[in-house]
């Protein structure tokens, strides 16, 4: 079995090398192999060069390059098209999420209990960096609003860590280009008949805006619109 790991990267020269080293070194359960797909999303710093240098010593890495910045959603769409694994997971290029926890998300799928597994930053006893109060309120509100329409009981709809059976994620058409991809995927996945969605607790090593965090309040308003759009229309 193969896990396709999609890594959208935009101006992440400070973290991309360490992240790739972590992803490449993690050992997956049940001898699951890795396909690492890095999507350089029009970076203007040294991100692409660092990815290319690392790939020279690791033949499991596929590099996709957007000449212009297209957004996380567009990068994920591109990565899914090139994914050949049995499972697909999304990995941000920063160090907010720990690749060592892939196995936590894989277990319900490998045990044939789940088709989709969300990694929640708000449940479980793992480390969570203490950061922005209003961001946490915003995340919980968006999750609550999304749950109202999908009839799911997720605790963290906006999480980066979403693991899918490839057959599930490949059957939906993603239209959002930026961070609206999170509520869009959730809305469309929830509509698949008899799909089994699980949630597991993960750690979260969040970063501040000065450390490179990119999502902002405008993305929050867009997320509200996406929840309404993809659930109602």
Protein backbone atom coordinates (compact mmCIF):
# COMPACT_ATOMS: atom_id res chain seq x y z
CA UNK A 1 0.00 0.00 0.00
CA UNK A 2 1.09 3.56 -0.70
CA UNK A 3 0.33 6.86 1.04
CA UNK A 4 0.49 9.89 -1.28
CA UNK A 5 1.58 12.94 0.74
CA UNK A 6 0.63 16.27 -0.85
CA UNK A 7 2.76 19.23 0.30
CA UNK A 8 1.72 22.67 -1.05
CA UNK A 9 4.57 25.13 -0.46
CA UNK A 10 4.64 28.90 -0.89
CA UNK A 11 7.65 30.87 0.38
CA UNK A 12 8.59 28.33 3.06
CA UNK A 13 12.39 28.43 2.77
CA UNK A 14 12.73 28.52 6.56
CA UNK A 15 10.87 25.25 7.14
CA UNK A 16 10.61 23.22 3.92
CA UNK A 17 13.92 21.36 4.27
CA UNK A 18 13.28 20.26 7.85
CA UNK A 19 9.72 19.30 6.94
CA UNK A 20 10.86 17.15 4.01
CA UNK A 21 13.43 15.44 6.21
CA UNK A 22 10.69 14.61 8.72
CA UNK A 23 8.34 13.29 6.04
CA UNK A 24 11.05 11.19 4.38
CA UNK A 25 12.23 9.65 7.66
CA UNK A 26 8.86 8.66 9.15
CA UNK A 27 8.19 4.90 9.11
CA UNK A 28 4.61 4.01 8.31
CA UNK A 29 2.64 1.12 9.80
CA UNK A 30 2.01 -2.14 7.93
CA UNK A 31 4.89 -1.40 5.52
CA UNK A 32 2.91 1.35 3.81
CA UNK A 33 5.19 3.14 1.35
CA UNK A 34 5.29 6.88 0.62
CA UNK A 35 4.78 8.94 -2.50
CA UNK A 36 5.80 12.51 -1.67
CA UNK A 37 4.37 15.19 -3.97
CA UNK A 38 5.61 18.73 -3.34
CA UNK A 39 3.75 21.51 -5.12
CA UNK A 40 5.80 24.70 -5.25
CA UNK A 41 3.13 27.37 -5.54
CA UNK A 42 5.02 30.17 -7.27
CA UNK A 43 7.47 30.79 -4.42
CA UNK A 44 9.62 33.89 -4.78
CA UNK A 45 12.20 32.85 -2.19
CA UNK A 46 14.55 29.85 -2.14
CA UNK A 47 11.82 27.23 -1.55
CA UNK A 48 11.98 25.59 -4.98
CA UNK A 49 15.77 25.30 -4.97
CA UNK A 50 15.71 23.63 -1.55
CA UNK A 51 13.06 21.17 -2.72
CA UNK A 52 15.05 20.32 -5.85
CA UNK A 53 18.27 19.85 -3.86
CA UNK A 54 16.54 17.52 -1.41
CA UNK A 55 14.91 15.52 -4.22
CA UNK A 56 18.32 14.64 -5.64
CA UNK A 57 18.86 12.26 -2.72
CA UNK A 58 15.27 10.99 -2.47
CA UNK A 59 13.67 9.39 -5.52
CA UNK A 60 10.24 9.13 -3.87
CA UNK A 61 9.65 12.88 -4.34
CA UNK A 62 7.66 14.32 -7.24
CA UNK A 63 7.96 18.10 -7.74
CA UNK A 64 5.15 20.10 -9.32
CA UNK A 65 5.80 23.77 -10.00
CA UNK A 66 3.23 26.56 -10.37
CA UNK A 67 4.94 29.48 -12.06
CA UNK A 68 2.49 31.87 -10.38
CA UNK A 69 1.02 31.64 -6.90
CA UNK A 70 -2.34 29.89 -7.33
CA UNK A 71 -3.35 29.08 -3.75
CA UNK A 72 -3.52 26.02 -1.49
CA UNK A 73 -6.69 24.67 -3.09
CA UNK A 74 -5.25 24.82 -6.59
CA UNK A 75 -2.06 23.11 -5.40
CA UNK A 76 -4.01 20.32 -3.71
CA UNK A 77 -6.05 19.79 -6.89
CA UNK A 78 -2.84 19.46 -8.89
CA UNK A 79 -1.36 17.07 -6.35
CA UNK A 80 -4.42 14.82 -6.33
CA UNK A 81 -4.18 14.41 -10.10
CA UNK A 82 -0.62 13.07 -9.71
CA UNK A 83 -1.33 10.91 -6.64
CA UNK A 84 -1.03 7.18 -7.33
CA UNK A 85 -1.28 5.92 -3.75
CA UNK A 86 -4.09 4.00 -2.05
CA UNK A 87 -4.44 6.86 0.43
CA UNK A 88 -3.90 10.63 0.24
CA UNK A 89 -2.99 13.03 3.04
CA UNK A 90 -2.43 16.81 2.98
CA UNK A 91 0.68 18.19 4.69
CA UNK A 92 1.40 21.92 5.07
CA UNK A 93 4.99 22.94 4.32
CA UNK A 94 5.48 24.59 7.70
CA UNK A 95 6.15 22.69 10.92
CA UNK A 96 2.73 23.14 12.55
CA UNK A 97 1.83 19.47 12.05
CA UNK A 98 3.99 16.45 12.88
CA UNK A 99 4.48 13.81 10.13
CA UNK A 100 5.20 11.24 12.86
CA UNK A 101 1.44 11.25 13.43
CA UNK A 102 0.53 9.92 9.97
CA UNK A 103 0.15 6.50 11.56
CA UNK A 104 -2.54 7.80 13.91
CA UNK A 105 -4.61 8.82 10.90
CA UNK A 106 -3.78 5.71 8.90
CA UNK A 107 -4.90 3.19 11.51
CA UNK A 108 -8.72 3.59 11.15
CA UNK A 109 -8.39 3.31 7.36
CA UNK A 110 -6.04 0.32 7.39
CA UNK A 111 -8.34 -1.38 9.94
CA UNK A 112 -11.13 -0.86 7.39
CA UNK A 113 -13.18 1.26 9.78
CA UNK A 114 -12.87 4.57 7.92
CA UNK A 115 -12.72 6.08 4.43
CA UNK A 116 -11.71 9.55 5.63
CA UNK A 117 -9.86 10.56 8.81
CA UNK A 118 -9.57 14.13 10.14
CA UNK A 119 -6.82 15.05 12.59
CA UNK A 120 -8.32 17.31 15.24
CA UNK A 121 -6.25 19.90 17.06
CA UNK A 122 -8.97 20.26 19.71
CA UNK A 123 -9.27 16.73 21.12
CA UNK A 124 -6.82 14.36 22.77
CA UNK A 125 -3.91 14.88 25.11
CA UNK A 126 -1.18 15.81 22.63
CA UNK A 127 0.82 19.10 22.74
CA UNK A 128 -0.87 22.25 21.45
CA UNK A 129 0.88 25.59 21.25
CA UNK A 130 -1.08 28.35 23.01
CA UNK A 131 -1.73 31.12 20.48
CA UNK A 132 -4.60 33.27 19.19
CA UNK A 133 -7.89 33.32 21.11
CA UNK A 134 -9.94 34.78 18.26
CA UNK A 135 -8.49 32.30 15.78
CA UNK A 136 -9.65 29.43 17.99
CA UNK A 137 -13.11 30.99 18.28
CA UNK A 138 -13.19 31.43 14.50
CA UNK A 139 -12.18 27.82 13.90
CA UNK A 140 -14.83 26.53 16.27
CA UNK A 141 -17.50 28.75 14.70
CA UNK A 142 -16.64 27.59 11.18
CA UNK A 143 -16.66 23.95 12.31
CA UNK A 144 -20.03 24.48 14.03
CA UNK A 145 -21.51 26.13 10.94
CA UNK A 146 -20.15 23.40 8.68
CA UNK A 147 -21.55 20.69 10.98
CA UNK A 148 -24.99 22.29 10.87
CA UNK A 149 -25.16 21.71 7.11
CA UNK A 150 -23.25 18.42 6.81
CA UNK A 151 -24.81 16.83 9.92
CA UNK A 152 -21.35 15.71 11.03
CA UNK A 153 -19.97 16.16 14.55
CA UNK A 154 -16.42 17.19 13.67
CA UNK A 155 -14.41 19.22 16.18
CA UNK A 156 -11.90 20.65 13.65
CA UNK A 157 -13.15 21.09 10.08
CA UNK A 158 -10.32 23.51 9.25
CA UNK A 159 -7.51 21.10 10.11
CA UNK A 160 -4.76 20.52 7.56
CA UNK A 161 -4.49 16.81 8.36
CA UNK A 162 -7.17 15.09 6.31
CA UNK A 163 -6.48 11.54 5.10
CA UNK A 164 -8.61 9.98 2.38
CA UNK A 165 -8.92 6.76 0.50
CA UNK A 166 -7.83 7.86 -2.96
CA UNK A 167 -11.07 6.58 -4.46
CA UNK A 168 -12.97 9.06 -2.28
CA UNK A 169 -10.99 12.25 -2.84
CA UNK A 170 -10.56 11.61 -6.57
CA UNK A 171 -14.31 11.49 -7.16
CA UNK A 172 -14.94 15.07 -6.08
CA UNK A 173 -14.17 18.18 -8.13
CA UNK A 174 -12.38 20.87 -6.12
CA UNK A 175 -13.09 24.42 -7.27
CA UNK A 176 -11.65 26.59 -4.49
CA UNK A 177 -8.18 28.01 -5.12
CA UNK A 178 -7.25 29.20 -1.63
CA UNK A 179 -8.11 28.17 1.94
CA UNK A 180 -11.80 27.77 1.05
CA UNK A 181 -10.77 24.28 0.00
CA UNK A 182 -11.21 23.03 3.59
CA UNK A 183 -14.99 23.63 3.93
CA UNK A 184 -15.49 22.70 0.26
CA UNK A 185 -13.88 19.27 0.66
CA UNK A 186 -15.82 18.65 3.87
CA UNK A 187 -19.14 19.58 2.26
CA UNK A 188 -18.53 17.37 -0.77
CA UNK A 189 -17.10 14.42 1.13
CA UNK A 190 -20.11 14.47 3.48
CA UNK A 191 -22.45 14.00 0.52
CA UNK A 192 -20.86 10.69 -0.59
CA UNK A 193 -23.29 7.90 0.24
CA UNK A 194 -22.26 5.56 3.08
CA UNK A 195 -18.88 7.27 3.58
CA UNK A 196 -17.21 6.53 6.92
CA UNK A 197 -15.57 9.61 8.48
CA UNK A 198 -13.42 9.37 11.62
CA UNK A 199 -11.57 11.93 13.71
CA UNK A 200 -8.40 11.44 15.78
CA UNK A 201 -6.52 13.76 18.12
CA UNK A 202 -3.25 15.26 16.87
CA UNK A 203 -0.67 17.72 18.21
CA UNK A 204 -0.36 21.27 16.90
CA UNK A 205 2.82 23.37 16.81
CA UNK A 206 1.22 26.60 15.56
CA UNK A 207 3.17 29.61 14.37
CA UNK A 208 2.60 33.36 14.53
CA UNK A 209 2.28 35.74 11.60
CA UNK A 210 5.86 36.91 12.14
CA UNK A 211 6.90 33.25 11.83
CA UNK A 212 5.12 32.92 8.48
CA UNK A 213 1.44 32.15 9.16
CA UNK A 214 -0.57 33.12 6.06
CA UNK A 215 -4.29 32.61 6.71
CA UNK A 216 -6.16 35.80 7.73
CA UNK A 217 -9.64 37.13 8.58
CA UNK A 218 -10.55 37.49 4.88
CA UNK A 219 -10.10 33.74 4.52
CA UNK A 220 -12.51 33.31 7.43
CA UNK A 221 -15.25 35.22 5.60
CA UNK A 222 -14.54 33.23 2.45
CA UNK A 223 -14.88 30.02 4.48
CA UNK A 224 -18.37 31.08 5.62
CA UNK A 225 -19.37 31.69 2.02
CA UNK A 226 -17.93 28.31 0.97
CA UNK A 227 -19.86 26.50 3.71
CA UNK A 228 -23.09 28.03 2.42
CA UNK A 229 -22.20 27.63 -1.26
CA UNK A 230 -21.12 24.00 -1.29
CA UNK A 231 -23.76 22.75 1.13
CA UNK A 232 -26.79 24.60 -0.22
CA UNK A 233 -26.20 25.10 -3.92
